[in-house]
PDB file of N, CA and C in Angstrom:
ATOM      1  N   MET A   1       1.041  -1.377   0.038  1.00  0.00           N
ATOM      2  CA  MET A   1      -0.327   0.154  -0.092  1.00  0.00           C
ATOM      3  C   MET A   1       0.943   1.218  -0.126  1.00  0.00           C
ATOM      4  N   SER A   2       0.406   2.034  -0.566  1.00  0.00           N
ATOM      5  CA  SER A   2       1.300   3.614  -0.816  1.00  0.00           C
ATOM      6  C   SER A   2       1.240   4.289   0.422  1.00  0.00           C
ATOM      7  N   ARG A   3       2.164   4.953   0.785  1.00  0.00           N
ATOM      8  CA  ARG A   3       2.540   5.750   1.958  1.00  0.00           C
ATOM      9  C   ARG A   3       1.637   6.977   1.936  1.00  0.00           C
ATOM     10  N   PHE A   4       0.980   7.550   0.571  1.00  0.00           N
ATOM     11  CA  PHE A   4       0.367   8.546   0.549  1.00  0.00           C
ATOM     12  C   PHE A   4      -1.081   8.241   0.136  1.00  0.00           C
ATOM     13  N   ALA A   5      -1.862   7.149   0.958  1.00  0.00           N
ATOM     14  CA  ALA A   5      -2.855   6.455   0.561  1.00  0.00           C
ATOM     15  C   ALA A   5      -3.822   7.407   1.046  1.00  0.00           C
ATOM     16  N   GLY A   6      -5.194   7.283   0.111  1.00  0.00           N
ATOM     17  CA  GLY A   6      -6.040   8.600   0.292  1.00  0.00           C
ATOM     18  C   GLY A   6      -5.869   9.622  -0.126  1.00  0.00           C
ATOM     19  N   ASN A   7      -6.332  10.908   0.675  1.00  0.00           N
ATOM     20  CA  ASN A   7      -6.296  12.114   0.427  1.00  0.00           C
ATOM     21  C   ASN A   7      -5.223  12.773   0.954  1.00  0.00           C
ATOM     22  N   ARG A   8      -4.204  11.921   1.470  1.00  0.00           N
ATOM     23  CA  ARG A   8      -2.995  12.459   2.186  1.00  0.00           C
ATOM     24  C   ARG A   8      -1.653  12.787   1.645  1.00  0.00           C
ATOM     25  N   ARG A   9      -1.738  12.592   0.152  1.00  0.00           N
ATOM     26  CA  ARG A   9      -0.645  13.011  -0.732  1.00  0.00           C
ATOM     27  C   ARG A   9      -0.950  14.552  -0.977  1.00  0.00           C
ATOM     28  N   PRO A  10       0.357  15.339  -0.634  1.00  0.00           N
ATOM     29  CA  PRO A  10       0.372  16.737  -0.645  1.00  0.00           C
ATOM     30  C   PRO A  10       0.381  16.769  -2.329  1.00  0.00           C
ATOM     31  N   SER A  11      -0.223  18.015  -2.613  1.00  0.00           N
ATOM     32  CA  SER A  11      -0.346  18.633  -4.020  1.00  0.00           C
ATOM     33  C   SER A  11       1.211  19.101  -4.409  1.00  0.00           C
ATOM     34  N   LEU A  12       1.832  19.227  -5.333  1.00  0.00           N
ATOM     35  CA  LEU A  12       3.167  19.898  -5.806  1.00  0.00           C
ATOM     36  C   LEU A  12       2.978  21.251  -5.860  1.00  0.00           C
ATOM     37  N   ALA A  13       1.831  21.813  -5.981  1.00  0.00           N
ATOM     38  CA  ALA A  13       1.706  23.212  -5.924  1.00  0.00           C
ATOM     39  C   ALA A  13       1.788  23.557  -4.509  1.00  0.00           C
ATOM     40  N   ARG A  14       1.037  22.969  -3.532  1.00  0.00           N
ATOM     41  CA  ARG A  14       1.069  23.233  -1.971  1.00  0.00           C
ATOM     42  C   ARG A  14       2.580  23.136  -1.445  1.00  0.00           C
ATOM     43  N   LEU A  15       3.460  22.249  -1.975  1.00  0.00           N
ATOM     44  CA  LEU A  15       4.584  22.252  -1.696  1.00  0.00           C
ATOM     45  C   LEU A  15       5.525  23.094  -2.006  1.00  0.00           C
ATOM     46  N   TRP A  16       5.222  23.663  -3.507  1.00  0.00           N
ATOM     47  CA  TRP A  16       6.262  24.641  -3.602  1.00  0.00           C
ATOM     48  C   TRP A  16       6.162  25.793  -3.150  1.00  0.00           C
ATOM     49  N   ASP A  17       4.476  26.174  -3.272  1.00  0.00           N
ATOM     50  CA  ASP A  17       3.880  27.827  -2.373  1.00  0.00           C
ATOM     51  C   ASP A  17       3.933  27.745  -1.094  1.00  0.00           C
ATOM     52  N   SER A  18       4.580  26.605  -0.329  1.00  0.00           N
ATOM     53  CA  SER A  18       4.562  26.831   1.151  1.00  0.00           C
ATOM     54  C   SER A  18       5.458  27.876   1.694  1.00  0.00           C
ATOM     55  N   LYS A  19       5.067  28.334   2.769  1.00  0.00           N
ATOM     56  CA  LYS A  19       5.955  29.166   3.520  1.00  0.00           C
ATOM     57  C   LYS A  19       7.378  28.844   3.797  1.00  0.00           C
ATOM     58  N   GLU A  20       7.234  27.599   4.309  1.00  0.00           N
ATOM     59  CA  GLU A  20       8.328  26.540   4.667  1.00  0.00           C
ATOM     60  C   GLU A  20       9.218  26.542   3.589  1.00  0.00           C
ATOM     61  N   THR A  21       8.926  26.329   2.357  1.00  0.00           N
ATOM     62  CA  THR A  21       9.928  26.260   1.146  1.00  0.00           C
ATOM     63  C   THR A  21      10.502  27.336   0.910  1.00  0.00           C
ATOM     64  N   ALA A  22       9.840  28.410   0.907  1.00  0.00           N
ATOM     65  CA  ALA A  22      10.411  29.829   0.760  1.00  0.00           C
ATOM     66  C   ALA A  22      11.456  30.080   1.967  1.00  0.00           C
ATOM     67  N   PHE A  23      11.064  30.055   3.254  1.00  0.00           N
ATOM     68  CA  PHE A  23      12.086  29.924   4.113  1.00  0.00           C
ATOM     69  C   PHE A  23      13.352  29.200   3.689  1.00  0.00           C
ATOM     70  N   GLY A  24      13.258  27.898   3.520  1.00  0.00           N
ATOM     71  CA  GLY A  24      14.038  27.094   3.264  1.00  0.00           C
ATOM     72  C   GLY A  24      15.060  27.532   1.842  1.00  0.00           C
ATOM     73  N   ASP A  25      14.450  28.055   1.071  1.00  0.00           N
ATOM     74  CA  ASP A  25      14.988  28.595  -0.144  1.00  0.00           C
ATOM     75  C   ASP A  25      16.091  29.835   0.334  1.00  0.00           C
ATOM     76  N   LEU A  26      15.343  30.690   1.066  1.00  0.00           N
ATOM     77  CA  LEU A  26      16.061  31.688   1.496  1.00  0.00           C
ATOM     78  C   LEU A  26      16.920  31.332   2.296  1.00  0.00           C
ATOM     79  N   ALA A  27      16.988  30.477   3.253  1.00  0.00           N
ATOM     80  CA  ALA A  27      18.109  30.156   3.849  1.00  0.00           C
ATOM     81  C   ALA A  27      19.219  29.553   3.405  1.00  0.00           C
ATOM     82  N   VAL A  28      18.969  28.671   1.975  1.00  0.00           N
ATOM     83  CA  VAL A  28      20.160  28.006   1.629  1.00  0.00           C
ATOM     84  C   VAL A  28      20.959  29.244   0.683  1.00  0.00           C
ATOM     85  N   VAL A  29      20.158  30.158  -0.065  1.00  0.00           N
ATOM     86  CA  VAL A  29      20.705  31.364  -0.562  1.00  0.00           C
ATOM     87  C   VAL A  29      21.617  32.117   0.505  1.00  0.00           C
ATOM     88  N   CYS A  30      21.142  32.374   1.543  1.00  0.00           N
ATOM     89  CA  CYS A  30      22.062  33.328   2.308  1.00  0.00           C
ATOM     90  C   CYS A  30      23.012  32.391   2.862  1.00  0.00           C
ATOM     91  N   PHE A  31      22.800  31.339   2.708  1.00  0.00           N
ATOM     92  CA  PHE A  31      24.351  30.418   3.619  1.00  0.00           C
ATOM     93  C   PHE A  31      25.312  30.122   2.392  1.00  0.00           C
ATOM     94  N   VAL A  32      24.876  29.705   1.382  1.00  0.00           N
ATOM     95  CA  VAL A  32      25.839  30.243   0.163  1.00  0.00           C
ATOM     96  C   VAL A  32      26.374  31.268  -0.172  1.00  0.00           C
ATOM     97  N   LEU A  33      25.880  32.409   0.311  1.00  0.00           N
ATOM     98  CA  LEU A  33      26.545  33.779   0.028  1.00  0.00           C
ATOM     99  C   LEU A  33      27.194  33.828   0.969  1.00  0.00           C
ATOM    100  N   VAL A  34      26.929  33.784   2.348  1.00  0.00           N
ATOM    101  CA  VAL A  34      27.916  33.917   3.432  1.00  0.00           C
ATOM    102  C   VAL A  34      28.994  33.132   3.055  1.00  0.00           C
ATOM    103  N   GLN A  35      29.049  31.645   2.583  1.00  0.00           N
ATOM    104  CA  GLN A  35      30.117  31.022   2.554  1.00  0.00           C
ATOM    105  C   GLN A  35      31.119  31.508   1.301  1.00  0.00           C
ATOM    106  N   CYS A  36      30.183  32.183   0.301  1.00  0.00           N
ATOM    107  CA  CYS A  36      31.242  32.874  -0.692  1.00  0.00           C
ATOM    108  C   CYS A  36      31.825  33.943  -0.157  1.00  0.00           C
ATOM    109  N   LEU A  37      31.135  34.862   0.680  1.00  0.00           N
ATOM    110  CA  LEU A  37      31.729  35.879   1.094  1.00  0.00           C
ATOM    111  C   LEU A  37      32.917  35.530   2.127  1.00  0.00           C
ATOM    112  N   ASP A  38      32.999  34.779   2.938  1.00  0.00           N
ATOM    113  CA  ASP A  38      33.919  34.127   3.681  1.00  0.00           C
ATOM    114  C   ASP A  38      35.100  33.848   2.971  1.00  0.00           C
ATOM    115  N   GLY A  39      35.088  33.166   1.933  1.00  0.00           N
ATOM    116  CA  GLY A  39      35.884  32.744   0.869  1.00  0.00           C
ATOM    117  C   GLY A  39      36.829  33.626   0.400  1.00  0.00           C
ATOM    118  N   ILE A  40      35.969  34.878  -0.029  1.00  0.00           N
ATOM    119  CA  ILE A  40      36.678  36.057  -0.593  1.00  0.00           C
ATOM    120  C   ILE A  40      37.319  36.915   0.438  1.00  0.00           C
ATOM    121  N   PHE A  41      37.014  36.954   1.494  1.00  0.00           N
ATOM    122  CA  PHE A  41      37.474  37.594   2.896  1.00  0.00           C
ATOM    123  C   PHE A  41      39.030  36.997   3.452  1.00  0.00           C
ATOM    124  N   THR A  42      38.523  35.347   3.474  1.00  0.00           N
ATOM    125  CA  THR A  42      39.631  34.764   3.872  1.00  0.00           C
ATOM    126  C   THR A  42      40.981  34.657   2.840  1.00  0.00           C
ATOM    127  N   TYR A  43      40.391  34.647   1.716  1.00  0.00           N
ATOM    128  CA  TYR A  43      41.335  34.861   0.518  1.00  0.00           C
ATOM    129  C   TYR A  43      42.304  36.009   0.662  1.00  0.00           C
ATOM    130  N   LEU A  44      41.632  37.059   0.928  1.00  0.00           N
ATOM    131  CA  LEU A  44      42.332  38.494   0.985  1.00  0.00           C
ATOM    132  C   LEU A  44      42.872  38.588   2.360  1.00  0.00           C
ATOM    133  N   GLY A  45      42.799  38.134   3.561  1.00  0.00           N
ATOM    134  CA  GLY A  45      43.328  38.029   4.702  1.00  0.00           C
ATOM    135  C   GLY A  45      44.467  37.244   4.443  1.00  0.00           C
ATOM    136  N   MET A  46      44.519  36.123   3.750  1.00  0.00           N
ATOM    137  CA  MET A  46      45.473  35.238   3.906  1.00  0.00           C
ATOM    138  C   MET A  46      46.622  35.858   2.891  1.00  0.00           C
ATOM    139  N   THR A  47      46.114  36.344   1.947  1.00  0.00           N
ATOM    140  CA  THR A  47      47.385  37.001   0.855  1.00  0.00           C
ATOM    141  C   THR A  47      47.809  38.205   1.569  1.00  0.00           C
ATOM    142  N   ILE A  48      47.243  39.032   2.184  1.00  0.00           N
ATOM    143  CA  ILE A  48      47.625  40.277   3.053  1.00  0.00           C
ATOM    144  C   ILE A  48      48.767  39.836   3.911  1.00  0.00           C
ATOM    145  N   TRP A  49      48.027  39.034   5.187  1.00  0.00           N
ATOM    146  CA  TRP A  49      48.807  38.812   6.089  1.00  0.00           C
ATOM    147  C   TRP A  49      49.071  37.574   6.331  1.00  0.00           C
ATOM    148  N   GLY A  50      49.131  36.633   5.505  1.00  0.00           N
ATOM    149  CA  GLY A  50      49.263  35.298   5.672  1.00  0.00           C
ATOM    150  C   GLY A  50      48.823  33.910   6.510  1.00  0.00           C
ATOM    151  N   ALA A  51      49.247  32.970   6.369  1.00  0.00           N
ATOM    152  CA  ALA A  51      48.240  31.962   6.787  1.00  0.00           C
ATOM    153  C   ALA A  51      47.923  32.020   8.308  1.00  0.00           C
ATOM    154  N   GLY A  52      48.724  32.574   9.117  1.00  0.00           N
ATOM    155  CA  GLY A  52      48.406  32.667  10.562  1.00  0.00           C
ATOM    156  C   GLY A  52      47.267  33.578  11.074  1.00  0.00           C
ATOM    157  N   ILE A  53      46.596  34.369   9.886  1.00  0.00           N
ATOM    158  CA  ILE A  53      45.431  35.047  10.227  1.00  0.00           C
ATOM    159  C   ILE A  53      44.186  34.058  10.276  1.00  0.00           C
ATOM    160  N   GLU A  54      43.981  32.820   9.847  1.00  0.00           N
ATOM    161  CA  GLU A  54      43.107  32.165   9.602  1.00  0.00           C
ATOM    162  C   GLU A  54      42.835  31.423  11.096  1.00  0.00           C
ATOM    163  N   ALA A  55      41.686  31.460  11.571  1.00  0.00           N
ATOM    164  CA  ALA A  55      41.280  30.900  12.963  1.00  0.00           C
ATOM    165  C   ALA A  55      40.461  29.537  12.879  1.00  0.00           C
ATOM    166  N   ASN A  56      40.382  28.986  11.753  1.00  0.00           N
ATOM    167  CA  ASN A  56      39.534  27.863  11.494  1.00  0.00           C
ATOM    168  C   ASN A  56      40.875  26.935  11.312  1.00  0.00           C
ATOM    169  N   PRO A  57      41.029  25.861  12.121  1.00  0.00           N
ATOM    170  CA  PRO A  57      42.336  24.991  11.802  1.00  0.00           C
ATOM    171  C   PRO A  57      41.659  24.060  10.766  1.00  0.00           C
ATOM    172  N   LEU A  58      40.663  23.902  10.392  1.00  0.00           N
ATOM    173  CA  LEU A  58      40.309  23.036   9.056  1.00  0.00           C
ATOM    174  C   LEU A  58      40.788  23.898   7.861  1.00  0.00           C
ATOM    175  N   VAL A  59      40.421  25.173   7.617  1.00  0.00           N
ATOM    176  CA  VAL A  59      40.646  25.784   6.721  1.00  0.00           C
ATOM    177  C   VAL A  59      42.245  25.737   6.702  1.00  0.00           C
ATOM    178  N   SER A  60      42.748  26.300   7.736  1.00  0.00           N
ATOM    179  CA  SER A  60      44.263  26.660   7.490  1.00  0.00           C
ATOM    180  C   SER A  60      44.704  25.050   7.208  1.00  0.00           C
ATOM    181  N   SER A  61      44.473  24.139   7.942  1.00  0.00           N
ATOM    182  CA  SER A  61      45.162  22.810   7.415  1.00  0.00           C
ATOM    183  C   SER A  61      44.979  22.567   5.958  1.00  0.00           C
ATOM    184  N   ALA A  62      43.838  22.722   5.455  1.00  0.00           N
ATOM    185  CA  ALA A  62      43.297  22.478   3.757  1.00  0.00           C
ATOM    186  C   ALA A  62      44.387  23.564   2.857  1.00  0.00           C
ATOM    187  N   VAL A  63      44.616  24.564   3.592  1.00  0.00           N
ATOM    188  CA  VAL A  63      45.517  25.605   2.863  1.00  0.00           C
ATOM    189  C   VAL A  63      47.005  25.325   2.856  1.00  0.00           C
ATOM    190  N   LYS A  64      47.251  24.722   4.090  1.00  0.00           N
ATOM    191  CA  LYS A  64      48.867  24.214   4.145  1.00  0.00           C
ATOM    192  C   LYS A  64      49.088  22.938   3.135  1.00  0.00           C
ATOM    193  N   ALA A  65      47.858  22.207   3.206  1.00  0.00           N
ATOM    194  CA  ALA A  65      48.040  20.693   2.119  1.00  0.00           C
ATOM    195  C   ALA A  65      47.736  21.084   0.731  1.00  0.00           C
ATOM    196  N   ALA A  66      47.068  21.930   0.254  1.00  0.00           N
ATOM    197  CA  ALA A  66      46.800  22.097  -1.208  1.00  0.00           C
ATOM    198  C   ALA A  66      47.088  23.623  -1.681  1.00  0.00           C
ATOM    199  N   GLY A  67      47.391  24.460  -0.780  1.00  0.00           N
ATOM    200  CA  GLY A  67      47.585  25.935  -1.346  1.00  0.00           C
ATOM    201  C   GLY A  67      46.311  26.625  -1.018  1.00  0.00           C
ATOM    202  N   LEU A  68      46.995  27.837  -1.160  1.00  0.00           N
ATOM    203  CA  LEU A  68      45.614  28.887  -0.779  1.00  0.00           C
ATOM    204  C   LEU A  68      44.692  28.783  -1.343  1.00  0.00           C
ATOM    205  N   GLY A  69      44.413  29.002  -2.939  1.00  0.00           N
ATOM    206  CA  GLY A  69      43.395  28.735  -3.720  1.00  0.00           C
ATOM    207  C   GLY A  69      42.454  27.302  -3.439  1.00  0.00           C
ATOM    208  N   PRO A  70      43.320  26.179  -4.161  1.00  0.00           N
ATOM    209  CA  PRO A  70      42.559  24.975  -3.669  1.00  0.00           C
ATOM    210  C   PRO A  70      42.126  24.576  -2.611  1.00  0.00           C
ATOM    211  N   GLY A  71      42.745  25.012  -1.420  1.00  0.00           N
ATOM    212  CA  GLY A  71      42.571  24.280  -0.050  1.00  0.00           C
ATOM    213  C   GLY A  71      41.050  25.354   0.158  1.00  0.00           C
ATOM    214  N   LEU A  72      41.268  26.454   0.053  1.00  0.00           N
ATOM    215  CA  LEU A  72      40.148  27.099   0.300  1.00  0.00           C
ATOM    216  C   LEU A  72      38.844  26.946  -0.438  1.00  0.00           C
ATOM    217  N   ALA A  73      39.349  26.814  -1.839  1.00  0.00           N
ATOM    218  CA  ALA A  73      37.928  26.414  -2.470  1.00  0.00           C
ATOM    219  C   ALA A  73      37.349  25.203  -1.906  1.00  0.00           C
ATOM    220  N   GLY A  74      38.368  24.188  -1.697  1.00  0.00           N
ATOM    221  CA  GLY A  74      37.734  22.673  -1.390  1.00  0.00           C
ATOM    222  C   GLY A  74      37.126  22.912   0.069  1.00  0.00           C
ATOM    223  N   THR A  75      37.648  23.541   0.823  1.00  0.00           N
ATOM    224  CA  THR A  75      36.615  23.717   2.336  1.00  0.00           C
ATOM    225  C   THR A  75      35.197  24.648   2.137  1.00  0.00           C
ATOM    226  N   LYS A  76      35.309  25.576   0.937  1.00  0.00           N
ATOM    227  CA  LYS A  76      33.971  26.066   1.047  1.00  0.00           C
ATOM    228  C   LYS A  76      33.184  25.554   0.229  1.00  0.00           C
ATOM    229  N   LEU A  77      33.758  24.649  -0.766  1.00  0.00           N
ATOM    230  CA  LEU A  77      32.709  23.768  -1.510  1.00  0.00           C
ATOM    231  C   LEU A  77      32.115  22.726  -0.888  1.00  0.00           C
ATOM    232  N   ILE A  78      32.926  21.988   0.208  1.00  0.00           N
ATOM    233  CA  ILE A  78      32.379  21.045   1.137  1.00  0.00           C
ATOM    234  C   ILE A  78      31.203  21.458   1.705  1.00  0.00           C
ATOM    235  N   ALA A  79      31.490  22.980   2.577  1.00  0.00           N
ATOM    236  CA  ALA A  79      30.496  23.847   3.232  1.00  0.00           C
ATOM    237  C   ALA A  79      29.197  23.649   2.950  1.00  0.00           C
ATOM    238  N   ILE A  80      29.511  24.201   1.484  1.00  0.00           N
ATOM    239  CA  ILE A  80      28.498  24.580   0.475  1.00  0.00           C
ATOM    240  C   ILE A  80      27.541  23.437   0.464  1.00  0.00           C
ATOM    241  N   GLY A  81      28.377  22.228   0.166  1.00  0.00           N
ATOM    242  CA  GLY A  81      27.688  20.975  -0.448  1.00  0.00           C
ATOM    243  C   GLY A  81      26.766  20.602   0.979  1.00  0.00           C
ATOM    244  N   LEU A  82      27.315  20.329   2.371  1.00  0.00           N
ATOM    245  CA  LEU A  82      26.732  20.398   3.680  1.00  0.00           C
ATOM    246  C   LEU A  82      25.547  21.108   3.496  1.00  0.00           C
ATOM    247  N   GLY A  83      25.715  22.459   3.353  1.00  0.00           N
ATOM    248  CA  GLY A  83      24.511  23.214   3.481  1.00  0.00           C
ATOM    249  C   GLY A  83      23.256  23.181   2.578  1.00  0.00           C
ATOM    250  N   ILE A  84      23.694  22.449   1.403  1.00  0.00           N
ATOM    251  CA  ILE A  84      22.615  22.062   0.205  1.00  0.00           C
ATOM    252  C   ILE A  84      21.993  20.669   0.670  1.00  0.00           C
ATOM    253  N   LEU A  85      22.751  19.984   1.477  1.00  0.00           N
ATOM    254  CA  LEU A  85      22.126  18.514   1.933  1.00  0.00           C
ATOM    255  C   LEU A  85      21.382  18.796   3.103  1.00  0.00           C
ATOM    256  N   LEU A  86      21.572  19.973   4.022  1.00  0.00           N
ATOM    257  CA  LEU A  86      20.648  19.959   4.917  1.00  0.00           C
ATOM    258  C   LEU A  86      19.368  20.532   4.249  1.00  0.00           C
ATOM    259  N   HIS A  87      19.606  21.453   3.326  1.00  0.00           N
ATOM    260  CA  HIS A  87      18.311  22.143   2.669  1.00  0.00           C
ATOM    261  C   HIS A  87      17.468  20.788   2.200  1.00  0.00           C
ATOM    262  N   HIS A  88      17.951  20.048   1.394  1.00  0.00           N
ATOM    263  CA  HIS A  88      17.450  18.842   0.802  1.00  0.00           C
ATOM    264  C   HIS A  88      16.789  17.778   1.916  1.00  0.00           C
ATOM    265  N   ARG A  89      17.279  17.694   3.242  1.00  0.00           N
ATOM    266  CA  ARG A  89      16.739  17.231   4.068  1.00  0.00           C
ATOM    267  C   ARG A  89      15.650  17.881   4.811  1.00  0.00           C
ATOM    268  N   ARG A  90      15.347  19.089   4.377  1.00  0.00           N
ATOM    269  CA  ARG A  90      14.287  19.974   5.096  1.00  0.00           C
ATOM    270  C   ARG A  90      14.990  20.534   6.303  1.00  0.00           C
ATOM    271  N   VAL A  91      15.948  20.544   6.786  1.00  0.00           N
ATOM    272  CA  VAL A  91      16.407  21.027   8.161  1.00  0.00           C
ATOM    273  C   VAL A  91      16.896  22.415   7.781  1.00  0.00           C
ATOM    274  N   HIS A  92      15.737  23.605   7.551  1.00  0.00           N
ATOM    275  CA  HIS A  92      15.741  24.481   7.411  1.00  0.00           C
ATOM    276  C   HIS A  92      16.349  25.613   8.501  1.00  0.00           C
ATOM    277  N   HIS A  93      15.875  25.305   9.527  1.00  0.00           N
ATOM    278  CA  HIS A  93      15.778  26.260  10.880  1.00  0.00           C
ATOM    279  C   HIS A  93      17.417  25.979  11.303  1.00  0.00           C
ATOM    280  N   VAL A  94      17.907  24.717  11.273  1.00  0.00           N
ATOM    281  CA  VAL A  94      19.449  24.847  11.399  1.00  0.00           C
ATOM    282  C   VAL A  94      20.187  25.173  10.732  1.00  0.00           C
ATOM    283  N   LEU A  95      19.956  25.297   9.161  1.00  0.00           N
ATOM    284  CA  LEU A  95      20.587  26.082   8.305  1.00  0.00           C
ATOM    285  C   LEU A  95      20.615  27.664   8.277  1.00  0.00           C
ATOM    286  N   ALA A  96      19.603  27.986   8.924  1.00  0.00           N
ATOM    287  CA  ALA A  96      19.180  29.392   8.964  1.00  0.00           C
ATOM    288  C   ALA A  96      20.258  29.665  10.220  1.00  0.00           C
ATOM    289  N   LEU A  97      20.332  28.910  11.278  1.00  0.00           N
ATOM    290  CA  LEU A  97      20.865  29.128  12.447  1.00  0.00           C
ATOM    291  C   LEU A  97      22.433  29.199  12.124  1.00  0.00           C
ATOM    292  N   LEU A  98      22.780  28.621  11.549  1.00  0.00           N
ATOM    293  CA  LEU A  98      24.375  28.370  10.896  1.00  0.00           C
ATOM    294  C   LEU A  98      24.728  29.537  10.259  1.00  0.00           C
ATOM    295  N   THR A  99      23.757  29.670   9.465  1.00  0.00           N
ATOM    296  CA  THR A  99      24.245  31.074   8.517  1.00  0.00           C
ATOM    297  C   THR A  99      24.273  32.140   9.353  1.00  0.00           C
ATOM    298  N   VAL A 100      23.576  32.263  10.321  1.00  0.00           N
ATOM    299  CA  VAL A 100      23.549  33.519  11.412  1.00  0.00           C
ATOM    300  C   VAL A 100      24.986  33.388  12.157  1.00  0.00           C
ATOM    301  N   ILE A 101      25.209  32.199  12.685  1.00  0.00           N
ATOM    302  CA  ILE A 101      26.194  31.866  13.594  1.00  0.00           C
ATOM    303  C   ILE A 101      27.616  32.275  13.010  1.00  0.00           C
ATOM    304  N   TYR A 102      27.532  31.635  11.254  1.00  0.00           N
ATOM    305  CA  TYR A 102      28.703  32.044  10.593  1.00  0.00           C
ATOM    306  C   TYR A 102      28.961  33.329  10.234  1.00  0.00           C
ATOM    307  N   PHE A 103      27.806  34.259   9.926  1.00  0.00           N
ATOM    308  CA  PHE A 103      28.001  35.529   9.674  1.00  0.00           C
ATOM    309  C   PHE A 103      28.800  36.091  11.099  1.00  0.00           C
ATOM    310  N   ALA A 104      27.757  36.102  11.968  1.00  0.00           N
ATOM    311  CA  ALA A 104      28.622  36.714  13.409  1.00  0.00           C
ATOM    312  C   ALA A 104      30.019  36.274  13.429  1.00  0.00           C
ATOM    313  N   ALA A 105      30.393  35.144  13.363  1.00  0.00           N
ATOM    314  CA  ALA A 105      31.753  34.704  13.547  1.00  0.00           C
ATOM    315  C   ALA A 105      33.219  34.561  12.420  1.00  0.00           C
ATOM    316  N   ALA A 106      32.309  34.749  11.499  1.00  0.00           N
ATOM    317  CA  ALA A 106      33.109  35.032  10.275  1.00  0.00           C
ATOM    318  C   ALA A 106      33.121  36.326   9.397  1.00  0.00           C
ATOM    319  N   ILE A 107      32.216  36.677   9.012  1.00  0.00           N
ATOM    320  CA  ILE A 107      31.853  37.859   8.242  1.00  0.00           C
ATOM    321  C   ILE A 107      32.084  39.106   8.879  1.00  0.00           C
ATOM    322  N   LEU A 108      31.535  39.281  10.259  1.00  0.00           N
ATOM    323  CA  LEU A 108      31.937  40.458  10.767  1.00  0.00           C
ATOM    324  C   LEU A 108      33.113  40.716  11.141  1.00  0.00           C
ATOM    325  N   PRO A 109      33.755  39.613  11.818  1.00  0.00           N
ATOM    326  CA  PRO A 109      35.199  39.839  12.202  1.00  0.00           C
ATOM    327  C   PRO A 109      36.045  40.200  10.803  1.00  0.00           C
ATOM    328  N   TRP A 110      35.723  39.186   9.768  1.00  0.00           N
ATOM    329  CA  TRP A 110      36.798  39.620   8.704  1.00  0.00           C
ATOM    330  C   TRP A 110      36.370  41.007   8.030  1.00  0.00           C
ATOM    331  N   THR A 111      35.103  41.624   8.424  1.00  0.00           N
ATOM    332  CA  THR A 111      34.808  42.946   7.843  1.00  0.00           C
ATOM    333  C   THR A 111      35.608  43.867   8.866  1.00  0.00           C
ATOM    334  N   ALA A 112      35.652  43.805   9.962  1.00  0.00           N
ATOM    335  CA  ALA A 112      36.243  44.767  10.553  1.00  0.00           C
ATOM    336  C   ALA A 112      37.874  44.511  10.641  1.00  0.00           C
ATOM    337  N   ILE A 113      38.566  43.422  10.247  1.00  0.00           N
ATOM    338  CA  ILE A 113      39.893  43.544  10.282  1.00  0.00           C
ATOM    339  C   ILE A 113      40.379  44.134   8.896  1.00  0.00           C
ATOM    340  N   LEU A 114      39.409  44.128   7.608  1.00  0.00           N
ATOM    341  CA  LEU A 114      39.836  44.666   6.396  1.00  0.00           C
ATOM    342  C   LEU A 114      39.610  45.887   6.394  1.00  0.00           C
ATOM    343  N   LEU A 115      38.752  46.268   7.259  1.00  0.00           N
ATOM    344  CA  LEU A 115      38.242  48.009   7.130  1.00  0.00           C
ATOM    345  C   LEU A 115      39.112  48.608   8.019  1.00  0.00           C
ATOM    346  N   THR A 116      39.616  48.207   8.835  1.00  0.00           N
ATOM    347  CA  THR A 116      40.614  48.512   9.888  1.00  0.00           C
ATOM    348  C   THR A 116      41.774  48.665   9.325  1.00  0.00           C
ATOM    349  N   GLN A 117      42.462  47.955   8.417  1.00  0.00           N
ATOM    350  CA  GLN A 117      43.892  47.826   8.156  1.00  0.00           C
ATOM    351  C   GLN A 117      43.856  48.808   6.738  1.00  0.00           C
TER     352      GLN A 117
END
C-alpha cells in the first residue's frame, strides 16, 4: 500500500508555494552567500597577512596541504555541499541558524579586520 494512501498526498503546488519552502530557499541562498563572502575575505586576509590570520584549523590545514586557492575552494565547496544537503533534508531552521552564527563569527570579524587595516 502506498504511503500516500487516500487524500494524504500533498499537491506539488502546495509544496512549492508553502512558506516553509520559501524560508528554506532563502536560508540556503543566504548560507551560500555567506560561504562565498567568507571565502573571498579569507583569501584577501591570507594574501595580505599570511596563513596565520586564519582561525579555523580545518581551513588552515587544507590551505597548508593544497595551497591557498585549492585548499580554500575545497573547504568552501564542502561547506556549501553540506548546507545544500541540510536544505534537501528540510532542516531549514538549522541551516538558518548556522548562517547567522557563521555571519557573526566569520563575516563580521573579517569585515572589521579588513576595514581597519
